[in-house]
Amino acid sequence: MQVLYHHCCGLDVHKKSVTACLITPGAQGSPDKQIRTFGTTTAQLLELVDWLVQSHCTIAVMESTGSYWKPVYNLLDGALEVWVVNAQHVKALPGRKTDVKDAEWLAE
């Protein structure tokens, strides 16, 4: 896989939680993945924004499922580049069954 963004995050957004997979350059060029889960209150989403900004994340990607992505997008927009992708294009992929795997796949 070709690396397009060295500091990126995949977000799996739900009604009560956001699972984030942050990928950054690790030792000797291998990627370093950090997984964290946040709540969906404004204070908890601001923690997510702070974590991504402090980690020098440049782009976040999330699915456009329902309307749960909107508050996350609104808080991230301006702090970094945010992509909202069509859930139909990523849900059909085989083998993805957990929030963490979804977030990792979106980050990659």
PDB file of N, CA and C in Angstrom:
ATOM      1  N   MET A   1       0.836  -1.171   0.000  1.00  0.00           N
ATOM      2  CA  MET A   1       0.000   0.000   0.000  1.00  0.00           C
ATOM      3  C   MET A   1       0.885   1.239   0.000  1.00  0.00           C
ATOM      4  N   GLN A   2       0.521   2.208  -0.816  1.00  0.00           N
ATOM      5  CA  GLN A   2       1.255   3.457  -0.891  1.00  0.00           C
ATOM      6  C   GLN A   2       0.754   4.409   0.192  1.00  0.00           C
ATOM      7  N   VAL A   3       1.675   4.986   0.943  1.00  0.00           N
ATOM      8  CA  VAL A   3       1.318   5.925   2.002  1.00  0.00           C
ATOM      9  C   VAL A   3       1.064   7.294   1.386  1.00  0.00           C
ATOM     10  N   LEU A   4      -0.140   7.817   1.587  1.00  0.00           N
ATOM     11  CA  LEU A   4      -0.485   9.135   1.065  1.00  0.00           C
ATOM     12  C   LEU A   4      -0.416  10.200   2.151  1.00  0.00           C
ATOM     13  N   TYR A   5      -0.765   9.826   3.374  1.00  0.00           N
ATOM     14  CA  TYR A   5      -0.735  10.741   4.512  1.00  0.00           C
ATOM     15  C   TYR A   5       0.016  10.046   5.643  1.00  0.00           C
ATOM     16  N   HIS A   6       1.030  10.699   6.198  1.00  0.00           N
ATOM     17  CA  HIS A   6       1.846  10.078   7.232  1.00  0.00           C
ATOM     18  C   HIS A   6       1.206  10.142   8.613  1.00  0.00           C
ATOM     19  N   HIS A   7       0.320  11.087   8.837  1.00  0.00           N
ATOM     20  CA  HIS A   7      -0.370  11.236  10.121  1.00  0.00           C
ATOM     21  C   HIS A   7      -1.864  11.314   9.822  1.00  0.00           C
ATOM     22  N   CYS A   8      -2.553  10.184   9.908  1.00  0.00           N
ATOM     23  CA  CYS A   8      -3.975  10.161   9.559  1.00  0.00           C
ATOM     24  C   CYS A   8      -4.758   9.364  10.594  1.00  0.00           C
ATOM     25  N   CYS A   9      -6.083   9.579  10.582  1.00  0.00           N
ATOM     26  CA  CYS A   9      -6.935   8.933  11.561  1.00  0.00           C
ATOM     27  C   CYS A   9      -8.218   8.447  10.899  1.00  0.00           C
ATOM     28  N   GLY A  10      -8.595   7.216  11.188  1.00  0.00           N
ATOM     29  CA  GLY A  10      -9.883   6.674  10.781  1.00  0.00           C
ATOM     30  C   GLY A  10     -10.816   6.718  11.974  1.00  0.00           C
ATOM     31  N   LEU A  11     -12.052   7.181  11.761  1.00  0.00           N
ATOM     32  CA  LEU A  11     -13.018   7.318  12.847  1.00  0.00           C
ATOM     33  C   LEU A  11     -14.242   6.475  12.559  1.00  0.00           C
ATOM     34  N   ASP A  12     -14.577   5.596  13.480  1.00  0.00           N
ATOM     35  CA  ASP A  12     -15.818   4.824  13.390  1.00  0.00           C
ATOM     36  C   ASP A  12     -16.791   5.477  14.370  1.00  0.00           C
ATOM     37  N   VAL A  13     -17.779   6.181  13.848  1.00  0.00           N
ATOM     38  CA  VAL A  13     -18.668   7.022  14.644  1.00  0.00           C
ATOM     39  C   VAL A  13     -19.993   6.314  14.898  1.00  0.00           C
ATOM     40  N   HIS A  14     -20.399   6.306  16.152  1.00  0.00           N
ATOM     41  CA  HIS A  14     -21.687   5.744  16.560  1.00  0.00           C
ATOM     42  C   HIS A  14     -22.423   6.761  17.422  1.00  0.00           C
ATOM     43  N   LYS A  15     -23.602   6.397  17.861  1.00  0.00           N
ATOM     44  CA  LYS A  15     -24.417   7.317  18.654  1.00  0.00           C
ATOM     45  C   LYS A  15     -23.735   7.707  19.962  1.00  0.00           C
ATOM     46  N   LYS A  16     -23.114   6.748  20.649  1.00  0.00           N
ATOM     47  CA  LYS A  16     -22.547   7.016  21.965  1.00  0.00           C
ATOM     48  C   LYS A  16     -21.038   6.902  22.036  1.00  0.00           C
ATOM     49  N   SER A  17     -20.386   6.569  20.918  1.00  0.00           N
ATOM     50  CA  SER A  17     -18.925   6.443  20.954  1.00  0.00           C
ATOM     51  C   SER A  17     -18.312   6.707  19.590  1.00  0.00           C
ATOM     52  N   VAL A  18     -17.036   7.085  19.630  1.00  0.00           N
ATOM     53  CA  VAL A  18     -16.223   7.271  18.434  1.00  0.00           C
ATOM     54  C   VAL A  18     -14.930   6.497  18.659  1.00  0.00           C
ATOM     55  N   THR A  19     -14.675   5.503  17.803  1.00  0.00           N
ATOM     56  CA  THR A  19     -13.428   4.756  17.867  1.00  0.00           C
ATOM     57  C   THR A  19     -12.473   5.360  16.851  1.00  0.00           C
ATOM     58  N   ALA A  20     -11.285   5.730  17.312  1.00  0.00           N
ATOM     59  CA  ALA A  20     -10.296   6.392  16.469  1.00  0.00           C
ATOM     60  C   ALA A  20      -9.050   5.526  16.337  1.00  0.00           C
ATOM     61  N   CYS A  21      -8.572   5.395  15.112  1.00  0.00           N
ATOM     62  CA  CYS A  21      -7.300   4.724  14.842  1.00  0.00           C
ATOM     63  C   CYS A  21      -6.375   5.751  14.213  1.00  0.00           C
ATOM     64  N   LEU A  22      -5.363   6.156  14.945  1.00  0.00           N
ATOM     65  CA  LEU A  22      -4.385   7.134  14.478  1.00  0.00           C
ATOM     66  C   LEU A  22      -3.152   6.384  13.988  1.00  0.00           C
ATOM     67  N   ILE A  23      -2.766   6.641  12.747  1.00  0.00           N
ATOM     68  CA  ILE A  23      -1.571   6.023  12.178  1.00  0.00           C
ATOM     69  C   ILE A  23      -0.516   7.104  11.988  1.00  0.00           C
ATOM     70  N   THR A  24       0.646   6.872  12.589  1.00  0.00           N
ATOM     71  CA  THR A  24       1.773   7.800  12.478  1.00  0.00           C
ATOM     72  C   THR A  24       3.024   7.005  12.118  1.00  0.00           C
ATOM     73  N   PRO A  25       4.066   7.667  11.614  1.00  0.00           N
ATOM     74  CA  PRO A  25       5.298   6.944  11.309  1.00  0.00           C
ATOM     75  C   PRO A  25       5.931   6.403  12.588  1.00  0.00           C
ATOM     76  N   GLY A  26       6.298   5.153  12.544  1.00  0.00           N
ATOM     77  CA  GLY A  26       6.943   4.526  13.692  1.00  0.00           C
ATOM     78  C   GLY A  26       8.430   4.357  13.461  1.00  0.00           C
ATOM     79  N   ALA A  27       9.015   3.539  14.298  1.00  0.00           N
ATOM     80  CA  ALA A  27      10.452   3.281  14.194  1.00  0.00           C
ATOM     81  C   ALA A  27      10.768   2.589  12.872  1.00  0.00           C
ATOM     82  N   GLN A  28      11.827   3.033  12.249  1.00  0.00           N
ATOM     83  CA  GLN A  28      12.347   2.447  11.008  1.00  0.00           C
ATOM     84  C   GLN A  28      11.299   2.387   9.902  1.00  0.00           C
ATOM     85  N   GLY A  29      10.402   3.372   9.868  1.00  0.00           N
ATOM     86  CA  GLY A  29       9.456   3.485   8.770  1.00  0.00           C
ATOM     87  C   GLY A  29       8.188   2.669   8.888  1.00  0.00           C
ATOM     88  N   SER A  30       8.106   1.797   9.883  1.00  0.00           N
ATOM     89  CA  SER A  30       6.881   1.012  10.040  1.00  0.00           C
ATOM     90  C   SER A  30       5.802   1.882  10.690  1.00  0.00           C
ATOM     91  N   PRO A  31       4.539   1.686  10.304  1.00  0.00           N
ATOM     92  CA  PRO A  31       3.476   2.527  10.873  1.00  0.00           C
ATOM     93  C   PRO A  31       3.187   2.175  12.331  1.00  0.00           C
ATOM     94  N   ASP A  32       2.874   3.194  13.096  1.00  0.00           N
ATOM     95  CA  ASP A  32       2.495   3.026  14.498  1.00  0.00           C
ATOM     96  C   ASP A  32       0.998   3.331  14.610  1.00  0.00           C
ATOM     97  N   LYS A  33       0.212   2.387  15.110  1.00  0.00           N
ATOM     98  CA  LYS A  33      -1.230   2.566  15.251  1.00  0.00           C
ATOM     99  C   LYS A  33      -1.597   2.762  16.712  1.00  0.00           C
ATOM    100  N   GLN A  34      -2.386   3.794  16.964  1.00  0.00           N
ATOM    101  CA  GLN A  34      -2.916   4.042  18.298  1.00  0.00           C
ATOM    102  C   GLN A  34      -4.440   4.005  18.204  1.00  0.00           C
ATOM    103  N   ILE A  35      -5.063   3.223  19.055  1.00  0.00           N
ATOM    104  CA  ILE A  35      -6.523   3.092  19.065  1.00  0.00           C
ATOM    105  C   ILE A  35      -7.050   3.701  20.353  1.00  0.00           C
ATOM    106  N   ARG A  36      -8.041   4.599  20.219  1.00  0.00           N
ATOM    107  CA  ARG A  36      -8.697   5.179  21.393  1.00  0.00           C
ATOM    108  C   ARG A  36     -10.180   5.298  21.116  1.00  0.00           C
ATOM    109  N   THR A  37     -10.962   5.229  22.180  1.00  0.00           N
ATOM    110  CA  THR A  37     -12.403   5.387  22.077  1.00  0.00           C
ATOM    111  C   THR A  37     -12.827   6.586  22.905  1.00  0.00           C
ATOM    112  N   PHE A  38     -13.677   7.402  22.322  1.00  0.00           N
ATOM    113  CA  PHE A  38     -14.173   8.615  22.966  1.00  0.00           C
ATOM    114  C   PHE A  38     -15.688   8.579  23.015  1.00  0.00           C
ATOM    115  N   GLY A  39     -16.256   9.278  23.979  1.00  0.00           N
ATOM    116  CA  GLY A  39     -17.701   9.459  24.029  1.00  0.00           C
ATOM    117  C   GLY A  39     -18.114  10.520  23.031  1.00  0.00           C
ATOM    118  N   THR A  40     -19.404  10.818  22.984  1.00  0.00           N
ATOM    119  CA  THR A  40     -19.893  11.765  21.990  1.00  0.00           C
ATOM    120  C   THR A  40     -20.397  13.079  22.591  1.00  0.00           C
ATOM    121  N   THR A  41     -20.097  13.331  23.850  1.00  0.00           N
ATOM    122  CA  THR A  41     -20.418  14.648  24.396  1.00  0.00           C
ATOM    123  C   THR A  41     -19.422  15.657  23.816  1.00  0.00           C
ATOM    124  N   THR A  42     -19.757  16.915  23.871  1.00  0.00           N
ATOM    125  CA  THR A  42     -18.871  17.945  23.324  1.00  0.00           C
ATOM    126  C   THR A  42     -17.503  17.899  23.984  1.00  0.00           C
ATOM    127  N   ALA A  43     -17.473  17.760  25.295  1.00  0.00           N
ATOM    128  CA  ALA A  43     -16.189  17.717  26.010  1.00  0.00           C
ATOM    129  C   ALA A  43     -15.342  16.536  25.553  1.00  0.00           C
ATOM    130  N   GLN A  44     -15.952  15.372  25.369  1.00  0.00           N
ATOM    131  CA  GLN A  44     -15.203  14.192  24.947  1.00  0.00           C
ATOM    132  C   GLN A  44     -14.739  14.319  23.493  1.00  0.00           C
ATOM    133  N   LEU A  45     -15.559  14.933  22.644  1.00  0.00           N
ATOM    134  CA  LEU A  45     -15.144  15.146  21.261  1.00  0.00           C
ATOM    135  C   LEU A  45     -14.016  16.175  21.170  1.00  0.00           C
ATOM    136  N   LEU A  46     -14.022  17.156  22.054  1.00  0.00           N
ATOM    137  CA  LEU A  46     -12.914  18.118  22.096  1.00  0.00           C
ATOM    138  C   LEU A  46     -11.621  17.438  22.537  1.00  0.00           C
ATOM    139  N   GLU A  47     -11.711  16.412  23.403  1.00  0.00           N
ATOM    140  CA  GLU A  47     -10.538  15.612  23.765  1.00  0.00           C
ATOM    141  C   GLU A  47      -9.987  14.907  22.533  1.00  0.00           C
ATOM    142  N   LEU A  48     -10.884  14.382  21.694  1.00  0.00           N
ATOM    143  CA  LEU A  48     -10.479  13.732  20.446  1.00  0.00           C
ATOM    144  C   LEU A  48      -9.740  14.728  19.561  1.00  0.00           C
ATOM    145  N   VAL A  49     -10.300  15.914  19.382  1.00  0.00           N
ATOM    146  CA  VAL A  49      -9.662  16.953  18.558  1.00  0.00           C
ATOM    147  C   VAL A  49      -8.286  17.299  19.112  1.00  0.00           C
ATOM    148  N   ASP A  50      -8.193  17.514  20.421  1.00  0.00           N
ATOM    149  CA  ASP A  50      -6.905  17.848  21.046  1.00  0.00           C
ATOM    150  C   ASP A  50      -5.878  16.748  20.822  1.00  0.00           C
ATOM    151  N   TRP A  51      -6.297  15.491  20.984  1.00  0.00           N
ATOM    152  CA  TRP A  51      -5.397  14.344  20.802  1.00  0.00           C
ATOM    153  C   TRP A  51      -4.864  14.313  19.361  1.00  0.00           C
ATOM    154  N   LEU A  52      -5.754  14.514  18.390  1.00  0.00           N
ATOM    155  CA  LEU A  52      -5.328  14.472  16.990  1.00  0.00           C
ATOM    156  C   LEU A  52      -4.403  15.633  16.647  1.00  0.00           C
ATOM    157  N   VAL A  53      -4.718  16.825  17.137  1.00  0.00           N
ATOM    158  CA  VAL A  53      -3.877  17.997  16.865  1.00  0.00           C
ATOM    159  C   VAL A  53      -2.498  17.821  17.511  1.00  0.00           C
ATOM    160  N   GLN A  54      -2.462  17.356  18.759  1.00  0.00           N
ATOM    161  CA  GLN A  54      -1.187  17.148  19.452  1.00  0.00           C
ATOM    162  C   GLN A  54      -0.351  16.054  18.794  1.00  0.00           C
ATOM    163  N   SER A  55      -1.023  15.118  18.115  1.00  0.00           N
ATOM    164  CA  SER A  55      -0.324  14.028  17.424  1.00  0.00           C
ATOM    165  C   SER A  55       0.068  14.414  16.004  1.00  0.00           C
ATOM    166  N   HIS A  56      -0.175  15.670  15.626  1.00  0.00           N
ATOM    167  CA  HIS A  56       0.158  16.193  14.303  1.00  0.00           C
ATOM    168  C   HIS A  56      -0.606  15.491  13.183  1.00  0.00           C
ATOM    169  N   CYS A  57      -1.808  15.039  13.494  1.00  0.00           N
ATOM    170  CA  CYS A  57      -2.667  14.402  12.498  1.00  0.00           C
ATOM    171  C   CYS A  57      -3.078  15.460  11.471  1.00  0.00           C
ATOM    172  N   THR A  58      -3.039  15.095  10.187  1.00  0.00           N
ATOM    173  CA  THR A  58      -3.387  16.044   9.139  1.00  0.00           C
ATOM    174  C   THR A  58      -4.734  15.759   8.490  1.00  0.00           C
ATOM    175  N   ILE A  59      -5.238  14.528   8.630  1.00  0.00           N
ATOM    176  CA  ILE A  59      -6.500  14.171   7.982  1.00  0.00           C
ATOM    177  C   ILE A  59      -7.245  13.130   8.807  1.00  0.00           C
ATOM    178  N   ALA A  60      -8.557  13.275   8.864  1.00  0.00           N
ATOM    179  CA  ALA A  60      -9.421  12.293   9.525  1.00  0.00           C
ATOM    180  C   ALA A  60     -10.477  11.844   8.524  1.00  0.00           C
ATOM    181  N   VAL A  61     -10.797  10.551   8.544  1.00  0.00           N
ATOM    182  CA  VAL A  61     -11.776   9.976   7.629  1.00  0.00           C
ATOM    183  C   VAL A  61     -12.839   9.266   8.447  1.00  0.00           C
ATOM    184  N   MET A  62     -14.118   9.512   8.099  1.00  0.00           N
ATOM    185  CA  MET A  62     -15.222   8.841   8.791  1.00  0.00           C
ATOM    186  C   MET A  62     -16.316   8.504   7.795  1.00  0.00           C
ATOM    187  N   GLU A  63     -17.148   7.550   8.163  1.00  0.00           N
ATOM    188  CA  GLU A  63     -18.281   7.163   7.329  1.00  0.00           C
ATOM    189  C   GLU A  63     -19.441   8.129   7.534  1.00  0.00           C
ATOM    190  N   SER A  64     -20.278   8.231   6.524  1.00  0.00           N
ATOM    191  CA  SER A  64     -21.436   9.127   6.599  1.00  0.00           C
ATOM    192  C   SER A  64     -22.674   8.361   7.064  1.00  0.00           C
ATOM    193  N   THR A  65     -22.570   7.668   8.174  1.00  0.00           N
ATOM    194  CA  THR A  65     -23.663   6.872   8.692  1.00  0.00           C
ATOM    195  C   THR A  65     -24.622   7.744   9.494  1.00  0.00           C
ATOM    196  N   GLY A  66     -25.892   7.755   9.093  1.00  0.00           N
ATOM    197  CA  GLY A  66     -26.895   8.538   9.814  1.00  0.00           C
ATOM    198  C   GLY A  66     -26.478   9.987   9.926  1.00  0.00           C
ATOM    199  N   SER A  67     -26.734  10.577  11.079  1.00  0.00           N
ATOM    200  CA  SER A  67     -26.322  11.962  11.303  1.00  0.00           C
ATOM    201  C   SER A  67     -25.305  12.064  12.436  1.00  0.00           C
ATOM    202  N   TYR A  68     -24.813  10.924  12.925  1.00  0.00           N
ATOM    203  CA  TYR A  68     -23.876  10.917  14.052  1.00  0.00           C
ATOM    204  C   TYR A  68     -22.542  11.556  13.712  1.00  0.00           C
ATOM    205  N   TRP A  69     -22.173  11.588  12.452  1.00  0.00           N
ATOM    206  CA  TRP A  69     -20.892  12.144  12.031  1.00  0.00           C
ATOM    207  C   TRP A  69     -20.867  13.666  12.094  1.00  0.00           C
ATOM    208  N   LYS A  70     -22.015  14.314  12.068  1.00  0.00           N
ATOM    209  CA  LYS A  70     -22.073  15.776  11.939  1.00  0.00           C
ATOM    210  C   LYS A  70     -21.392  16.530  13.087  1.00  0.00           C
ATOM    211  N   PRO A  71     -21.649  16.199  14.364  1.00  0.00           N
ATOM    212  CA  PRO A  71     -20.948  16.926  15.436  1.00  0.00           C
ATOM    213  C   PRO A  71     -19.431  16.694  15.402  1.00  0.00           C
ATOM    214  N   VAL A  72     -19.035  15.487  15.052  1.00  0.00           N
ATOM    215  CA  VAL A  72     -17.603  15.178  14.962  1.00  0.00           C
ATOM    216  C   VAL A  72     -16.978  16.026  13.856  1.00  0.00           C
ATOM    217  N   TYR A  73     -17.628  16.063  12.715  1.00  0.00           N
ATOM    218  CA  TYR A  73     -17.142  16.860  11.589  1.00  0.00           C
ATOM    219  C   TYR A  73     -17.036  18.337  11.977  1.00  0.00           C
ATOM    220  N   ASN A  74     -18.075  18.863  12.599  1.00  0.00           N
ATOM    221  CA  ASN A  74     -18.095  20.281  12.961  1.00  0.00           C
ATOM    222  C   ASN A  74     -16.948  20.664  13.893  1.00  0.00           C
ATOM    223  N   LEU A  75     -16.585  19.777  14.812  1.00  0.00           N
ATOM    224  CA  LEU A  75     -15.501  20.081  15.740  1.00  0.00           C
ATOM    225  C   LEU A  75     -14.119  19.879  15.112  1.00  0.00           C
ATOM    226  N   LEU A  76     -14.004  18.918  14.201  1.00  0.00           N
ATOM    227  CA  LEU A  76     -12.710  18.652  13.565  1.00  0.00           C
ATOM    228  C   LEU A  76     -12.404  19.626  12.433  1.00  0.00           C
ATOM    229  N   ASP A  77     -13.448  20.086  11.746  1.00  0.00           N
ATOM    230  CA  ASP A  77     -13.258  20.976  10.599  1.00  0.00           C
ATOM    231  C   ASP A  77     -12.559  22.253  11.051  1.00  0.00           C
ATOM    232  N   GLY A  78     -11.508  22.587  10.377  1.00  0.00           N
ATOM    233  CA  GLY A  78     -10.717  23.762  10.738  1.00  0.00           C
ATOM    234  C   GLY A  78      -9.449  23.375  11.486  1.00  0.00           C
ATOM    235  N   ALA A  79      -9.528  22.300  12.280  1.00  0.00           N
ATOM    236  CA  ALA A  79      -8.338  21.833  12.996  1.00  0.00           C
ATOM    237  C   ALA A  79      -7.486  20.948  12.088  1.00  0.00           C
ATOM    238  N   LEU A  80      -8.135  20.201  11.193  1.00  0.00           N
ATOM    239  CA  LEU A  80      -7.458  19.337  10.244  1.00  0.00           C
ATOM    240  C   LEU A  80      -8.392  19.057   9.078  1.00  0.00           C
ATOM    241  N   GLU A  81      -7.877  18.407   8.055  1.00  0.00           N
ATOM    242  CA  GLU A  81      -8.701  18.049   6.900  1.00  0.00           C
ATOM    243  C   GLU A  81      -9.608  16.885   7.290  1.00  0.00           C
ATOM    244  N   VAL A  82     -10.885  16.962   6.932  1.00  0.00           N
ATOM    245  CA  VAL A  82     -11.848  15.922   7.304  1.00  0.00           C
ATOM    246  C   VAL A  82     -12.540  15.415   6.046  1.00  0.00           C
ATOM    247  N   TRP A  83     -12.554  14.099   5.896  1.00  0.00           N
ATOM    248  CA  TRP A  83     -13.268  13.472   4.782  1.00  0.00           C
ATOM    249  C   TRP A  83     -14.428  12.675   5.345  1.00  0.00           C
ATOM    250  N   VAL A  84     -15.578  12.814   4.729  1.00  0.00           N
ATOM    251  CA  VAL A  84     -16.750  11.993   5.042  1.00  0.00           C
ATOM    252  C   VAL A  84     -16.983  11.129   3.814  1.00  0.00           C
ATOM    253  N   VAL A  85     -16.873   9.805   4.003  1.00  0.00           N
ATOM    254  CA  VAL A  85     -16.969   8.887   2.871  1.00  0.00           C
ATOM    255  C   VAL A  85     -18.301   8.155   2.896  1.00  0.00           C
ATOM    256  N   ASN A  86     -18.705   7.681   1.747  1.00  0.00           N
ATOM    257  CA  ASN A  86     -19.960   6.957   1.602  1.00  0.00           C
ATOM    258  C   ASN A  86     -19.857   5.598   2.291  1.00  0.00           C
ATOM    259  N   ALA A  87     -20.725   5.352   3.247  1.00  0.00           N
ATOM    260  CA  ALA A  87     -20.699   4.095   4.010  1.00  0.00           C
ATOM    261  C   ALA A  87     -20.942   2.888   3.117  1.00  0.00           C
ATOM    262  N   GLN A  88     -21.709   3.045   2.061  1.00  0.00           N
ATOM    263  CA  GLN A  88     -21.976   1.924   1.151  1.00  0.00           C
ATOM    264  C   GLN A  88     -20.706   1.419   0.481  1.00  0.00           C
ATOM    265  N   HIS A  89     -19.736   2.297   0.278  1.00  0.00           N
ATOM    266  CA  HIS A  89     -18.505   1.897  -0.386  1.00  0.00           C
ATOM    267  C   HIS A  89     -17.575   1.108   0.522  1.00  0.00           C
ATOM    268  N   VAL A  90     -17.729   1.246   1.824  1.00  0.00           N
ATOM    269  CA  VAL A  90     -16.824   0.544   2.735  1.00  0.00           C
ATOM    270  C   VAL A  90     -17.503  -0.572   3.515  1.00  0.00           C
ATOM    271  N   LYS A  91     -18.802  -0.574   3.627  1.00  0.00           N
ATOM    272  CA  LYS A  91     -19.499  -1.610   4.383  1.00  0.00           C
ATOM    273  C   LYS A  91     -19.483  -2.959   3.683  1.00  0.00           C
ATOM    274  N   ALA A  92     -19.351  -2.970   2.374  1.00  0.00           N
ATOM    275  CA  ALA A  92     -19.407  -4.214   1.618  1.00  0.00           C
ATOM    276  C   ALA A  92     -18.103  -5.008   1.679  1.00  0.00           C
ATOM    277  N   LEU A  93     -17.088  -4.467   2.319  1.00  0.00           N
ATOM    278  CA  LEU A  93     -15.813  -5.165   2.366  1.00  0.00           C
ATOM    279  C   LEU A  93     -15.871  -6.336   3.332  1.00  0.00           C
ATOM    280  N   PRO A  94     -15.366  -7.502   2.923  1.00  0.00           N
ATOM    281  CA  PRO A  94     -15.452  -8.700   3.764  1.00  0.00           C
ATOM    282  C   PRO A  94     -14.505  -8.649   4.962  1.00  0.00           C
ATOM    283  N   GLY A  95     -14.895  -9.302   6.037  1.00  0.00           N
ATOM    284  CA  GLY A  95     -14.028  -9.483   7.183  1.00  0.00           C
ATOM    285  C   GLY A  95     -14.003  -8.366   8.196  1.00  0.00           C
ATOM    286  N   ARG A  96     -14.663  -7.271   7.951  1.00  0.00           N
ATOM    287  CA  ARG A  96     -14.661  -6.159   8.897  1.00  0.00           C
ATOM    288  C   ARG A  96     -15.864  -6.306   9.812  1.00  0.00           C
ATOM    289  N   LYS A  97     -15.602  -6.515  11.096  1.00  0.00           N
ATOM    290  CA  LYS A  97     -16.718  -6.767  11.986  1.00  0.00           C
ATOM    291  C   LYS A  97     -16.683  -5.958  13.280  1.00  0.00           C
ATOM    292  N   THR A  98     -15.608  -5.240  13.538  1.00  0.00           N
ATOM    293  CA  THR A  98     -15.515  -4.509  14.805  1.00  0.00           C
ATOM    294  C   THR A  98     -15.278  -3.030  14.550  1.00  0.00           C
ATOM    295  N   ASP A  99     -15.552  -2.222  15.558  1.00  0.00           N
ATOM    296  CA  ASP A  99     -15.311  -0.784  15.462  1.00  0.00           C
ATOM    297  C   ASP A  99     -13.838  -0.493  15.225  1.00  0.00           C
ATOM    298  N   VAL A 100     -12.972  -1.233  15.912  1.00  0.00           N
ATOM    299  CA  VAL A 100     -11.529  -1.025  15.765  1.00  0.00           C
ATOM    300  C   VAL A 100     -11.084  -1.355  14.343  1.00  0.00           C
ATOM    301  N   LYS A 101     -11.549  -2.466  13.785  1.00  0.00           N
ATOM    302  CA  LYS A 101     -11.183  -2.830  12.412  1.00  0.00           C
ATOM    303  C   LYS A 101     -11.716  -1.808  11.416  1.00  0.00           C
ATOM    304  N   ASP A 102     -12.926  -1.307  11.648  1.00  0.00           N
ATOM    305  CA  ASP A 102     -13.476  -0.273  10.770  1.00  0.00           C
ATOM    306  C   ASP A 102     -12.602   0.979  10.803  1.00  0.00           C
ATOM    307  N   ALA A 103     -12.222   1.405  12.001  1.00  0.00           N
ATOM    308  CA  ALA A 103     -11.394   2.602  12.144  1.00  0.00           C
ATOM    309  C   ALA A 103     -10.022   2.399  11.499  1.00  0.00           C
ATOM    310  N   GLU A 104      -9.429   1.211  11.693  1.00  0.00           N
ATOM    311  CA  GLU A 104      -8.137   0.918  11.095  1.00  0.00           C
ATOM    312  C   GLU A 104      -8.232   0.934   9.562  1.00  0.00           C
ATOM    313  N   TRP A 105      -9.289   0.335   9.031  1.00  0.00           N
ATOM    314  CA  TRP A 105      -9.456   0.290   7.587  1.00  0.00           C
ATOM    315  C   TRP A 105      -9.619   1.692   7.020  1.00  0.00           C
ATOM    316  N   LEU A 106     -10.395   2.515   7.677  1.00  0.00           N
ATOM    317  CA  LEU A 106     -10.582   3.893   7.214  1.00  0.00           C
ATOM    318  C   LEU A 106      -9.272   4.677   7.260  1.00  0.00           C
ATOM    319  N   ALA A 107      -8.465   4.452   8.284  1.00  0.00           N
ATOM    320  CA  ALA A 107      -7.179   5.146   8.400  1.00  0.00           C
ATOM    321  C   ALA A 107      -6.222   4.706   7.289  1.00  0.00           C
ATOM    322  N   GLU A 108      -6.238   3.435   7.000  1.00  0.00           N
ATOM    323  CA  GLU A 108      -5.339   2.922   5.944  1.00  0.00           C
ATOM    324  C   GLU A 108      -5.814   3.376   4.591  1.00  0.00           C
TER     325      GLU A 108
END
